[in-house]
Amino acid sequence: ILTILGNSAVLATAVKRSSLLKSPELLTVNLAVADIGMAISMYPLAIASAWNHAWLGGDASCIYYALMGFLFGVCSMMTLCAMAVIRFLVTNSSKSNSNKITKNTVRTLITFIWLYSLLWAILPLVGWGYYGPEPFGISCTIAWSKFHNSSNGFSFILSMFLLCTVLPALTIVTCYLGIAWKVHKAYQEIQNIDRIPNAAKLEKKLTLMAVLISVGFLSSWTPYAAASFWSIFNPSDSLQPIVTLLPCLFAKSSTAYNPFIYYFFSKTFRCELKQLQCCCGWRVHFFSADNSAENPVSMMWSG
């Protein structure tokens, strides 16, 4: 519920001010699309299976669930990586060079992200890698236990780990460390805090927001990655079901954090959200109240 409501609010405000969106903000919209896509395509099936105490739908629904999770997971990771790179380029470039990152450039990058994610999600369907159920039985993902059972599973998991997890994560950390160093040097040159330009303060706030989004995503998925790698090198029954279930739930919760981060750090998002609430409140009242001159509240809202 939090994921769908929060990210729907992000998308609604983005649509409302679409003509004013800056190029990097398109990546924020893409991240919201990936989060809400994961919630809509996966969570209802997982919740129904939890109530059923067993997986519903058999192998077909298991493959579908795992494919959607892999698709949206890789898309989110690569989007965060692209956000870090663009923030690094903007922070370390002059004003004229930063303006070269146009909306068309970001749209092309987003298209590449989705194609890259789709490619990795489809590979297990065409014979490289496998999808299978989680140890606790009410979720499906990559078959980590196939790491030692076949060279096919070994090569897929190793390649996926390097190209979809390690390299993006190292890129994110490197970019934000570079930004932090750049900001630190810039603030050292300006001894008086009152003389720091508003543009620099805004840049610092945007960078902090992007860092928190990345930290939230990586922190949410780290316990799941640890449990998955434990199952690679140990028997699947070596961990209790509850030990494998909790990291999975924590990882899925990553889709709900971002709207709260936007709300606390983006004044524009807060203002747009309040206007959206007023608009929704007016519509509810308009359709529920009698549209007559005897209804002063309705006339006041119309005014």
Foldseek 3Di string as FASTA:
>chain_A
DLLQVLLVLVLVLCVVPVVVDFQLCVLVNQLSVLLNQLCVQAVVQLVVCVVVQAHPDPPVVQLSNQLSCQLSLLLNLVSLLVSLVLLLPLLPDDPVVNPVSHNVNSVVVSVVSNVVSNVLSCVCVVPQFHKDAALSHRHIHTPLQCCPVDPSNVVSVVVCCVPRPVVSVVSNVVSLVSSVVSLVVVCVVVVDPVPDDPVSVLSVLVSVLSVVLVCLQCVLQVQQVVVSVVVNVDPSVPDDSVSNVVSVVSNSCSSSPNSVSCCVRPPSSVVSSVVVVLVVVLVVCQVVDDPDPVDVVNVVSVD
